[in-house]
Amino acid sequence: MKVQTAFRLEKELLDQLKEKAMAEKRSLNNYVEFILSKVVGKTPNEDTKQAIYEAENGINLNEIDDLDDFKKSLIS
């Protein structure tokens, strides 16, 4: 369910948002909702935080020799 709301924004910021929305062929509303959902709606859980930490620090990484075999292993 969508709820109508109002915000006060600096004119320059609003102009930038409109420009970006147009460049991505989105409505202003859709673009702002998209940006907000990326920031607010994507908080990683503890498992994901741990996985990110390990990946960034080279911990528990496995080399992939065959990409097709790796893709199949994800499905099975």
N, C-alpha and C. Protein backbone atom coordinates (compact mmCIF):
# COMPACT_ATOMS: atom_id res chain seq x y z
N MET A 1 0.84 -1.16 0.00
CA MET A 1 0.00 0.00 0.00
C MET A 1 0.89 1.24 0.00
N LYS A 2 0.63 2.16 -0.88
CA LYS A 2 1.39 3.41 -0.97
C LYS A 2 0.68 4.47 -0.16
N VAL A 3 1.45 5.33 0.47
CA VAL A 3 0.93 6.42 1.29
C VAL A 3 1.50 7.72 0.74
N GLN A 4 0.65 8.67 0.51
CA GLN A 4 1.10 9.96 0.03
C GLN A 4 1.72 10.75 1.17
N THR A 5 2.84 11.43 0.89
CA THR A 5 3.52 12.24 1.89
C THR A 5 4.15 13.44 1.21
N ALA A 6 4.64 14.36 1.99
CA ALA A 6 5.28 15.55 1.44
C ALA A 6 6.60 15.79 2.15
N PHE A 7 7.60 16.27 1.40
CA PHE A 7 8.90 16.62 1.96
C PHE A 7 9.29 17.99 1.44
N ARG A 8 10.08 18.69 2.22
CA ARG A 8 10.67 19.95 1.77
C ARG A 8 12.11 19.65 1.38
N LEU A 9 12.46 19.98 0.16
CA LEU A 9 13.81 19.74 -0.34
C LEU A 9 14.39 21.03 -0.89
N GLU A 10 15.70 21.14 -0.82
CA GLU A 10 16.36 22.26 -1.46
C GLU A 10 16.09 22.18 -2.96
N LYS A 11 15.87 23.32 -3.61
CA LYS A 11 15.55 23.34 -5.02
C LYS A 11 16.63 22.64 -5.85
N GLU A 12 17.89 22.89 -5.51
CA GLU A 12 18.99 22.28 -6.25
C GLU A 12 18.94 20.75 -6.15
N LEU A 13 18.66 20.23 -4.97
CA LEU A 13 18.55 18.78 -4.80
C LEU A 13 17.38 18.23 -5.61
N LEU A 14 16.25 18.91 -5.55
CA LEU A 14 15.08 18.47 -6.32
C LEU A 14 15.40 18.47 -7.81
N ASP A 15 16.07 19.50 -8.28
CA ASP A 15 16.44 19.56 -9.70
C ASP A 15 17.37 18.40 -10.07
N GLN A 16 18.30 18.07 -9.20
CA GLN A 16 19.21 16.95 -9.45
C GLN A 16 18.45 15.63 -9.48
N LEU A 17 17.51 15.46 -8.56
CA LEU A 17 16.71 14.24 -8.53
C LEU A 17 15.89 14.10 -9.81
N LYS A 18 15.29 15.20 -10.25
CA LYS A 18 14.50 15.17 -11.49
C LYS A 18 15.38 14.80 -12.68
N GLU A 19 16.57 15.38 -12.73
CA GLU A 19 17.50 15.09 -13.83
C GLU A 19 17.90 13.62 -13.85
N LYS A 20 18.24 13.10 -12.68
CA LYS A 20 18.63 11.68 -12.58
C LYS A 20 17.46 10.76 -12.94
N ALA A 21 16.27 11.11 -12.46
CA ALA A 21 15.09 10.30 -12.77
C ALA A 21 14.84 10.27 -14.27
N MET A 22 14.95 11.42 -14.92
CA MET A 22 14.73 11.49 -16.35
C MET A 22 15.78 10.67 -17.11
N ALA A 23 17.02 10.74 -16.65
CA ALA A 23 18.11 9.99 -17.30
C ALA A 23 17.88 8.48 -17.21
N GLU A 24 17.23 8.04 -16.15
CA GLU A 24 16.94 6.61 -15.98
C GLU A 24 15.53 6.24 -16.44
N LYS A 25 14.86 7.21 -17.09
CA LYS A 25 13.51 6.99 -17.61
C LYS A 25 12.55 6.50 -16.52
N ARG A 26 12.63 7.20 -15.38
CA ARG A 26 11.77 6.90 -14.23
C ARG A 26 11.00 8.17 -13.87
N SER A 27 9.88 7.98 -13.22
CA SER A 27 9.19 9.14 -12.66
C SER A 27 9.99 9.60 -11.45
N LEU A 28 9.80 10.85 -11.06
CA LEU A 28 10.49 11.36 -9.88
C LEU A 28 10.12 10.53 -8.66
N ASN A 29 8.85 10.22 -8.50
CA ASN A 29 8.39 9.42 -7.37
C ASN A 29 9.08 8.05 -7.35
N ASN A 30 9.11 7.40 -8.50
CA ASN A 30 9.71 6.08 -8.58
C ASN A 30 11.20 6.14 -8.29
N TYR A 31 11.86 7.16 -8.79
CA TYR A 31 13.30 7.29 -8.58
C TYR A 31 13.62 7.52 -7.10
N VAL A 32 12.90 8.42 -6.45
CA VAL A 32 13.13 8.69 -5.03
C VAL A 32 12.85 7.44 -4.20
N GLU A 33 11.78 6.73 -4.52
CA GLU A 33 11.46 5.50 -3.80
C GLU A 33 12.56 4.46 -3.99
N PHE A 34 13.08 4.36 -5.21
CA PHE A 34 14.17 3.43 -5.52
C PHE A 34 15.41 3.76 -4.70
N ILE A 35 15.80 5.03 -4.69
CA ILE A 35 16.99 5.46 -3.94
C ILE A 35 16.81 5.19 -2.44
N LEU A 36 15.66 5.54 -1.91
CA LEU A 36 15.42 5.33 -0.48
C LEU A 36 15.42 3.85 -0.12
N SER A 37 14.84 3.02 -0.98
CA SER A 37 14.81 1.58 -0.67
C SER A 37 16.20 0.98 -0.68
N LYS A 38 17.10 1.52 -1.52
CA LYS A 38 18.48 1.03 -1.54
C LYS A 38 19.19 1.34 -0.24
N VAL A 39 18.89 2.49 0.35
CA VAL A 39 19.56 2.91 1.57
C VAL A 39 18.91 2.31 2.81
N VAL A 40 17.60 2.34 2.87
CA VAL A 40 16.87 1.94 4.07
C VAL A 40 16.54 0.46 4.08
N GLY A 41 16.14 -0.07 2.96
CA GLY A 41 15.59 -1.41 2.91
C GLY A 41 16.58 -2.55 2.75
N LYS A 42 17.85 -2.26 2.73
CA LYS A 42 18.82 -3.30 2.44
C LYS A 42 19.85 -3.49 3.55
N THR A 43 19.41 -3.53 4.77
CA THR A 43 20.31 -3.73 5.90
C THR A 43 20.68 -5.20 5.98
N PRO A 44 21.97 -5.54 5.84
CA PRO A 44 22.36 -6.95 5.86
C PRO A 44 22.22 -7.57 7.24
N ASN A 45 21.86 -8.87 7.26
CA ASN A 45 21.80 -9.59 8.53
C ASN A 45 23.22 -9.99 8.95
N GLU A 46 23.36 -10.62 10.10
CA GLU A 46 24.69 -10.95 10.63
C GLU A 46 25.45 -11.92 9.73
N ASP A 47 24.77 -12.91 9.13
CA ASP A 47 25.44 -13.85 8.22
C ASP A 47 26.01 -13.12 7.02
N THR A 48 25.24 -12.19 6.47
CA THR A 48 25.70 -11.44 5.31
C THR A 48 26.86 -10.52 5.68
N LYS A 49 26.77 -9.88 6.85
CA LYS A 49 27.87 -9.04 7.31
C LYS A 49 29.16 -9.85 7.44
N GLN A 50 29.04 -11.06 7.98
CA GLN A 50 30.20 -11.93 8.14
C GLN A 50 30.76 -12.33 6.78
N ALA A 51 29.88 -12.67 5.84
CA ALA A 51 30.32 -13.05 4.49
C ALA A 51 31.03 -11.89 3.80
N ILE A 52 30.51 -10.68 3.97
CA ILE A 52 31.15 -9.50 3.38
C ILE A 52 32.54 -9.30 3.98
N TYR A 53 32.62 -9.42 5.29
CA TYR A 53 33.91 -9.28 5.97
C TYR A 53 34.92 -10.31 5.45
N GLU A 54 34.48 -11.56 5.35
CA GLU A 54 35.37 -12.61 4.87
C GLU A 54 35.82 -12.36 3.43
N ALA A 55 34.88 -11.95 2.58
CA ALA A 55 35.22 -11.68 1.18
C ALA A 55 36.22 -10.53 1.07
N GLU A 56 35.99 -9.47 1.82
CA GLU A 56 36.87 -8.31 1.76
C GLU A 56 38.27 -8.61 2.31
N ASN A 57 38.36 -9.61 3.19
CA ASN A 57 39.64 -9.93 3.82
C ASN A 57 40.25 -11.24 3.32
N GLY A 58 39.68 -11.80 2.26
CA GLY A 58 40.24 -13.01 1.66
C GLY A 58 40.16 -14.24 2.53
N ILE A 59 39.14 -14.32 3.36
CA ILE A 59 38.98 -15.45 4.29
C ILE A 59 38.00 -16.46 3.67
N ASN A 60 38.33 -17.74 3.74
CA ASN A 60 37.46 -18.83 3.27
C ASN A 60 37.05 -18.69 1.79
N LEU A 61 37.95 -18.19 0.97
CA LEU A 61 37.65 -18.08 -0.46
C LEU A 61 38.08 -19.35 -1.18
N ASN A 62 37.27 -19.79 -2.12
CA ASN A 62 37.61 -20.97 -2.92
C ASN A 62 37.77 -20.55 -4.38
N GLU A 63 38.82 -21.02 -5.00
CA GLU A 63 39.06 -20.71 -6.41
C GLU A 63 38.06 -21.49 -7.27
N ILE A 64 37.55 -20.85 -8.28
CA ILE A 64 36.62 -21.49 -9.21
C ILE A 64 37.39 -21.86 -10.47
N ASP A 65 37.53 -23.17 -10.71
CA ASP A 65 38.28 -23.64 -11.89
C ASP A 65 37.39 -23.70 -13.13
N ASP A 66 36.14 -24.07 -12.94
CA ASP A 66 35.22 -24.24 -14.07
C ASP A 66 33.92 -23.50 -13.76
N LEU A 67 33.67 -22.43 -14.47
CA LEU A 67 32.51 -21.60 -14.20
C LEU A 67 31.21 -22.36 -14.40
N ASP A 68 31.13 -23.21 -15.43
CA ASP A 68 29.90 -23.98 -15.67
C ASP A 68 29.61 -24.93 -14.52
N ASP A 69 30.63 -25.61 -14.01
CA ASP A 69 30.44 -26.49 -12.87
C ASP A 69 30.00 -25.70 -11.64
N PHE A 70 30.57 -24.53 -11.45
CA PHE A 70 30.20 -23.70 -10.32
C PHE A 70 28.72 -23.28 -10.42
N LYS A 71 28.29 -22.87 -11.60
CA LYS A 71 26.89 -22.48 -11.80
C LYS A 71 25.95 -23.64 -11.51
N LYS A 72 26.33 -24.83 -11.96
CA LYS A 72 25.49 -26.03 -11.70
C LYS A 72 25.42 -26.31 -10.20
N SER A 73 26.52 -26.09 -9.49
CA SER A 73 26.54 -26.38 -8.04
C SER A 73 25.60 -25.43 -7.29
N LEU A 74 25.36 -24.24 -7.83
CA LEU A 74 24.45 -23.30 -7.19
C LEU A 74 23.00 -23.75 -7.30
N ILE A 75 22.68 -24.46 -8.37
CA ILE A 75 21.33 -24.91 -8.62
C ILE A 75 21.01 -26.16 -7.83
N SER A 76 21.99 -27.05 -7.68
CA SER A 76 21.71 -28.32 -7.02
C SER A 76 21.75 -28.26 -5.54
